[in-house]
Amino acid sequence: MIRRNPNYHGPRPRTLDGVVFREEVPFATTVAHVETGKADYVAEAGPALLPGSAVAARFGAAGSATRRYFRTAMPATDELVFNTEHGPLRDVRVRRAINFALDRPALAAAFGDAATDRYLPPMMPGARDDHVYPLGKPDVTRARSLMHGRRPTVVLAVCGEPSCLHAGQLIARDLRRLRIHVKETRYAGDIDARTRRARTDIVLARVFARYPDPLAFMNRALGPGAPTRNRLGRLDRAHRLAAAGRLETRRLRNDPPAAAFGTPTVPEYFSARVGCKQWTALESAVDLTALCLH
């Protein structure tokens, strides 16, 4: 149990006497306890809290007064990073074709993500919510028009976890429609932030923001294909953020070094008596200290 700090006199809310954390409780039991009011909060990826679950359908309607289920975006992006220096993906037309051909909803669902085509996470300063590539049905016709009859072979690196292997199958299926042959190689562990791997053309990666700087994030997420910071670094904050958003859009349209497909999310489920929910930028869960009980 964590109790309220009696020596804190700052501006943050102080409505709860304390927070009790319970560990090693079976996930389904925890969800049931939140439903019946024996517990007040759970934030964990699991079958009972997937986007298509009964909890999501009953308590996840946006704007509803009874909303108790939320998918909170994490400060990260799931993406396919291209090798733009060697191999068939030096050709920007092939990289754009892949972006048009991806079934982003299916790829995002493999990881419990919200589908996106943007590099910057939605809570990142400077992020935009317009789209360059399809978030619904892939535009295969446009993608094929960019290939000009080419039939390249690419090496795709994915992690060895079931979600990554499923994503690899989906990517191979999508690229087959463009007559791109995919050879798969696997790296150990779960999906991680490495955007370059030896002898590969495409790397499946998840990159987290370390702090709220859009250019720093793109430099981490896009590797050698990232935009330069030199000129924008001399701008004040407001102009820097606006310029970062424009630069991201320009790279997506003209010279994409990667294909973003998902924003990782954390499912959060609250009991009926919990109120005063607040979220802070670049935090992937509710602010527990701000919660109150009805």
Protein backbone atom coordinates (compact mmCIF):
# COMPACT_ATOMS: atom_id res chain seq x y z
CA MET A 1 0.00 0.00 0.00
CA ILE A 2 1.17 3.50 -0.87
CA ARG A 3 -0.21 6.23 1.40
CA ARG A 4 -0.60 9.93 0.74
CA ASN A 5 2.54 11.95 1.50
CA PRO A 6 1.64 14.27 4.39
CA ASN A 7 4.61 16.49 3.57
CA TYR A 8 3.51 17.28 0.01
CA HIS A 9 1.95 20.74 -0.37
CA GLY A 10 2.19 21.18 -4.15
CA PRO A 11 -0.60 21.79 -6.71
CA ARG A 12 -1.39 18.17 -7.64
CA PRO A 13 -4.69 16.66 -6.42
CA ARG A 14 -4.71 14.80 -3.11
CA THR A 15 -8.08 13.07 -2.81
CA LEU A 16 -7.13 9.46 -1.99
CA ASP A 17 -5.74 8.33 1.37
CA GLY A 18 -3.71 5.65 -0.38
CA VAL A 19 -3.51 3.09 -3.17
CA VAL A 20 -3.41 -0.67 -2.54
CA PHE A 21 -1.59 -2.71 -5.21
CA ARG A 22 -2.41 -6.41 -5.54
CA GLU A 23 0.03 -8.62 -7.45
CA GLU A 24 -0.08 -12.15 -8.82
CA VAL A 25 -3.86 -12.19 -9.03
CA PRO A 26 -5.13 -14.08 -12.11
CA PHE A 27 -6.02 -11.60 -14.83
CA ALA A 28 -9.59 -12.83 -15.33
CA THR A 29 -10.17 -12.63 -11.57
CA THR A 30 -8.92 -9.04 -11.44
CA VAL A 31 -11.26 -8.00 -14.28
CA ALA A 32 -14.19 -9.69 -12.51
CA HIS A 33 -13.31 -7.90 -9.26
CA VAL A 34 -13.33 -4.52 -11.02
CA GLU A 35 -16.71 -5.38 -12.52
CA THR A 36 -18.20 -6.17 -9.11
CA GLY A 37 -16.46 -3.34 -7.24
CA LYS A 38 -14.06 -5.54 -5.23
CA ALA A 39 -11.23 -3.75 -7.03
CA ASP A 40 -11.16 -0.35 -8.69
CA TYR A 41 -8.66 -0.47 -11.53
CA VAL A 42 -6.74 -2.78 -13.84
CA ALA A 43 -4.39 -1.88 -16.67
CA GLU A 44 -3.07 -4.93 -18.48
CA ALA A 45 -3.26 -6.44 -21.94
CA GLY A 46 -5.28 -9.65 -21.88
CA PRO A 47 -8.19 -11.37 -23.62
CA ALA A 48 -10.85 -9.89 -21.32
CA LEU A 49 -9.75 -6.33 -22.20
CA LEU A 50 -9.08 -6.60 -25.92
CA PRO A 51 -10.78 -4.01 -28.16
CA GLY A 52 -13.42 -6.56 -29.20
CA SER A 53 -14.10 -7.83 -25.68
CA ALA A 54 -17.42 -7.66 -23.83
CA VAL A 55 -15.94 -5.06 -21.45
CA ALA A 56 -14.89 -2.84 -24.36
CA ALA A 57 -18.30 -3.14 -26.01
CA ARG A 58 -20.20 -2.37 -22.81
CA PHE A 59 -18.04 0.34 -21.23
CA GLY A 60 -15.86 1.73 -24.03
CA ALA A 61 -18.20 4.09 -25.88
CA ALA A 62 -16.51 7.49 -26.30
CA GLY A 63 -18.49 10.31 -24.70
CA SER A 64 -20.66 7.95 -22.66
CA ALA A 65 -21.37 8.92 -19.06
CA THR A 66 -20.87 5.27 -18.11
CA ARG A 67 -17.52 4.89 -19.87
CA ARG A 68 -15.11 2.82 -17.77
CA TYR A 69 -12.90 1.24 -20.44
CA PHE A 70 -10.15 3.19 -22.22
CA ARG A 71 -7.34 2.33 -24.63
CA THR A 72 -4.59 4.70 -23.61
CA ALA A 73 -1.98 5.43 -26.25
CA MET A 74 1.62 4.76 -25.31
CA PRO A 75 4.39 7.18 -26.36
CA ALA A 76 5.61 4.79 -29.04
CA THR A 77 5.18 3.71 -32.65
CA ASP A 78 5.17 0.23 -34.18
CA GLU A 79 6.67 0.35 -37.64
CA LEU A 80 8.51 -1.31 -40.50
CA VAL A 81 11.84 0.46 -40.97
CA PHE A 82 13.32 0.30 -44.46
CA ASN A 83 16.94 -0.12 -45.49
CA THR A 84 17.21 2.92 -47.73
CA GLU A 85 20.97 2.56 -48.33
CA HIS A 86 21.23 -0.91 -49.89
CA GLY A 87 18.98 -3.30 -51.77
CA PRO A 88 15.62 -2.87 -53.49
CA LEU A 89 14.28 -0.35 -50.96
CA ARG A 90 16.72 2.30 -52.06
CA ASP A 91 13.96 3.01 -54.60
CA VAL A 92 11.49 5.42 -52.99
CA ARG A 93 8.72 4.18 -55.28
CA VAL A 94 8.93 0.70 -53.77
CA ARG A 95 8.83 2.16 -50.25
CA ARG A 96 5.76 4.22 -51.11
CA ALA A 97 4.13 1.17 -52.73
CA ILE A 98 4.60 -0.83 -49.53
CA ASN A 99 3.02 1.99 -47.52
CA PHE A 100 -0.06 1.95 -49.75
CA ALA A 101 -0.30 -1.87 -49.71
CA LEU A 102 -0.22 -2.53 -45.94
CA ASP A 103 -3.38 -3.65 -44.15
CA ARG A 104 -2.76 -1.42 -41.14
CA PRO A 105 -5.86 -2.45 -39.11
CA ALA A 106 -4.81 -6.11 -39.30
CA LEU A 107 -1.18 -5.37 -38.40
CA ALA A 108 -2.21 -3.09 -35.54
CA ALA A 109 -4.59 -5.74 -34.19
CA ALA A 110 -1.72 -8.24 -33.98
CA PHE A 111 -0.24 -6.07 -31.21
CA GLY A 112 -3.40 -4.54 -29.73
CA ASP A 113 -2.46 -1.19 -31.33
CA ALA A 114 -4.50 1.67 -32.69
CA ALA A 115 -3.87 1.85 -36.44
CA THR A 116 -1.80 4.78 -37.70
CA ASP A 117 0.37 5.82 -40.63
CA ARG A 118 2.17 8.59 -38.72
CA TYR A 119 5.64 8.33 -37.23
CA LEU A 120 4.95 10.62 -34.26
CA PRO A 121 2.76 9.19 -31.45
CA PRO A 122 -0.52 11.12 -31.08
CA MET A 123 0.42 12.70 -27.73
CA MET A 124 3.78 13.96 -29.01
CA PRO A 125 3.98 17.75 -29.37
CA GLY A 126 3.82 18.60 -33.07
CA ALA A 127 1.93 15.41 -34.01
CA ARG A 128 -0.78 15.64 -36.67
CA ASP A 129 -3.94 13.59 -37.08
CA ASP A 130 -4.29 13.69 -40.89
CA HIS A 131 -3.28 10.67 -42.94
CA VAL A 132 -1.12 10.08 -46.00
CA TYR A 133 -1.63 6.32 -46.38
CA PRO A 134 -4.77 4.18 -45.90
CA LEU A 135 -5.91 3.29 -42.39
CA GLY A 136 -8.67 1.09 -43.74
CA LYS A 137 -8.57 -0.97 -46.92
CA PRO A 138 -5.13 -0.97 -48.59
CA ASP A 139 -4.85 0.89 -51.90
CA VAL A 140 -3.41 -2.02 -53.87
CA THR A 141 -4.11 -0.45 -57.25
CA ARG A 142 -2.05 2.63 -56.46
CA ALA A 143 0.65 0.49 -54.87
CA ARG A 144 0.98 -1.68 -58.00
CA SER A 145 1.21 1.39 -60.21
CA LEU A 146 4.38 2.38 -58.34
CA MET A 147 6.09 -0.98 -58.85
CA HIS A 148 6.36 -0.73 -62.67
CA GLY A 149 6.52 -4.49 -63.06
CA ARG A 150 9.38 -5.07 -60.63
CA ARG A 151 9.42 -8.28 -58.58
CA PRO A 152 12.04 -7.78 -55.86
CA THR A 153 12.92 -10.05 -52.94
CA VAL A 154 13.24 -8.46 -49.50
CA VAL A 155 14.50 -9.80 -46.15
CA LEU A 156 12.16 -9.01 -43.25
CA ALA A 157 13.37 -9.17 -39.62
CA VAL A 158 10.71 -9.92 -37.00
CA CYS A 159 10.88 -11.03 -33.36
CA GLY A 160 10.18 -14.61 -32.30
CA GLU A 161 7.05 -13.88 -30.25
CA PRO A 162 3.64 -15.08 -31.59
CA SER A 163 2.42 -11.53 -32.26
CA CYS A 164 5.51 -10.78 -34.37
CA LEU A 165 5.26 -14.05 -36.28
CA HIS A 166 1.62 -13.31 -37.06
CA ALA A 167 2.59 -9.82 -38.20
CA GLY A 168 5.26 -11.34 -40.44
CA GLN A 169 2.63 -13.50 -42.12
CA LEU A 170 0.40 -10.47 -42.68
CA ILE A 171 3.26 -8.43 -44.14
CA ALA A 172 4.25 -11.26 -46.50
CA ARG A 173 0.62 -11.55 -47.62
CA ASP A 174 0.34 -7.80 -48.27
CA LEU A 175 3.60 -7.64 -50.22
CA ARG A 176 2.72 -10.70 -52.28
CA ARG A 177 -0.02 -8.59 -53.84
CA LEU A 178 2.79 -6.41 -55.22
CA ARG A 179 4.78 -9.46 -56.35
CA ILE A 180 7.37 -8.76 -53.68
CA HIS A 181 8.82 -11.97 -52.27
CA VAL A 182 9.53 -11.88 -48.53
CA LYS A 183 12.26 -13.90 -46.83
CA GLU A 184 11.86 -13.85 -43.06
CA THR A 185 14.58 -13.77 -40.43
CA ARG A 186 13.92 -13.70 -36.69
CA TYR A 187 15.56 -11.93 -33.79
CA ALA A 188 15.35 -13.09 -30.18
CA GLY A 189 12.88 -11.74 -27.66
CA ASP A 190 9.94 -9.39 -28.09
CA ILE A 191 9.57 -6.53 -30.55
CA ASP A 192 12.25 -3.93 -29.76
CA ALA A 193 13.62 -0.56 -30.80
CA ARG A 194 16.51 -1.59 -33.07
CA THR A 195 15.80 -0.14 -36.51
CA ARG A 196 18.83 -1.66 -38.27
CA ARG A 197 19.84 -5.31 -38.48
CA ALA A 198 22.53 -6.88 -40.63
CA ARG A 199 21.55 -8.22 -44.04
CA THR A 200 17.90 -7.13 -43.82
CA ASP A 201 15.73 -4.82 -45.91
CA ILE A 202 12.84 -4.31 -43.47
CA VAL A 203 12.90 -4.39 -39.65
CA LEU A 204 9.81 -4.71 -37.47
CA ALA A 205 10.44 -2.32 -34.56
CA ARG A 206 8.75 -0.53 -31.65
CA VAL A 207 10.30 2.80 -30.70
CA PHE A 208 9.43 4.70 -27.51
CA ALA A 209 9.71 8.44 -26.96
CA ARG A 210 12.19 9.25 -24.20
CA TYR A 211 11.04 12.86 -23.91
CA PRO A 212 8.58 15.17 -25.74
CA ASP A 213 10.78 16.20 -28.66
CA PRO A 214 9.40 15.21 -32.10
CA LEU A 215 12.71 15.52 -33.92
CA ALA A 216 14.53 13.43 -31.33
CA PHE A 217 11.84 10.78 -31.66
CA MET A 218 12.06 10.69 -35.46
CA ASN A 219 15.83 10.40 -35.24
CA ARG A 220 15.41 7.31 -33.04
CA ALA A 221 12.51 5.83 -35.01
CA LEU A 222 13.80 6.35 -38.54
CA GLY A 223 17.54 5.75 -38.15
CA PRO A 224 19.68 6.99 -41.06
CA GLY A 225 16.51 8.06 -42.87
CA ALA A 226 15.62 10.53 -40.12
CA PRO A 227 15.42 14.27 -40.82
CA THR A 228 18.25 16.53 -39.81
CA ARG A 229 17.92 18.62 -36.66
CA ASN A 230 20.40 21.34 -37.58
CA ARG A 231 18.13 23.97 -39.11
CA LEU A 232 15.07 23.29 -36.97
CA GLY A 233 17.16 23.33 -33.81
CA ARG A 234 17.56 27.08 -34.18
CA LEU A 235 13.78 27.74 -34.10
CA ASP A 236 11.77 28.61 -31.00
CA ARG A 237 9.52 25.89 -29.57
CA ALA A 238 6.26 26.84 -31.31
CA HIS A 239 7.85 27.12 -34.76
CA ARG A 240 9.96 24.02 -34.15
CA LEU A 241 6.90 21.87 -33.38
CA ALA A 242 4.96 23.16 -36.39
CA ALA A 243 7.97 22.58 -38.63
CA ALA A 244 8.42 19.04 -37.27
CA GLY A 245 4.84 18.16 -38.19
CA ARG A 246 5.28 19.53 -41.72
CA LEU A 247 8.58 17.70 -42.10
CA GLU A 248 7.01 14.42 -41.02
CA THR A 249 4.21 14.82 -43.59
CA ARG A 250 6.68 15.71 -46.34
CA ARG A 251 8.80 12.63 -45.63
CA LEU A 252 5.73 10.39 -45.55
CA ARG A 253 4.55 11.65 -48.93
CA ASN A 254 7.82 11.96 -50.80
CA ASP A 255 10.53 9.81 -49.25
CA PRO A 256 9.26 7.49 -46.49
CA PRO A 257 12.11 5.76 -44.60
CA ALA A 258 9.58 3.56 -42.76
CA ALA A 259 5.96 2.43 -42.72
CA ALA A 260 4.26 3.12 -39.40
CA PHE A 261 1.24 0.95 -38.71
CA GLY A 262 0.33 1.12 -35.02
CA THR A 263 0.32 3.12 -31.82
CA PRO A 264 0.71 0.70 -28.88
CA THR A 265 -2.07 1.04 -26.31
CA VAL A 266 -2.74 0.03 -22.70
CA PRO A 267 -6.30 -1.08 -21.90
CA GLU A 268 -7.55 0.52 -18.67
CA TYR A 269 -10.72 -0.58 -16.86
CA PHE A 270 -12.22 1.23 -13.86
CA SER A 271 -14.89 0.32 -11.31
CA ALA A 272 -18.12 2.31 -11.29
CA ARG A 273 -17.08 4.41 -8.30
CA VAL A 274 -13.86 5.83 -9.77
CA GLY A 275 -13.92 9.40 -11.06
CA CYS A 276 -11.58 12.36 -11.69
CA LYS A 277 -9.64 10.53 -14.43
CA GLN A 278 -6.72 12.51 -15.84
CA TRP A 279 -3.99 11.61 -18.28
CA THR A 280 -0.69 13.39 -18.82
CA ALA A 281 1.16 13.69 -22.14
CA LEU A 282 3.70 10.89 -22.72
CA GLU A 283 2.24 8.85 -19.83
CA SER A 284 0.67 5.55 -20.83
CA ALA A 285 -1.71 5.22 -17.87
CA VAL A 286 -4.09 7.32 -15.82
CA ASP A 287 -2.69 9.56 -13.08
CA LEU A 288 -3.51 7.46 -10.00
CA THR A 289 -2.92 10.35 -7.62
CA ALA A 290 -5.67 12.41 -9.29
CA LEU A 291 -8.40 9.77 -8.99
CA CYS A 292 -11.34 10.20 -6.65
CA LEU A 293 -14.11 7.87 -5.44
CA HIS A 294 -17.83 8.59 -5.74
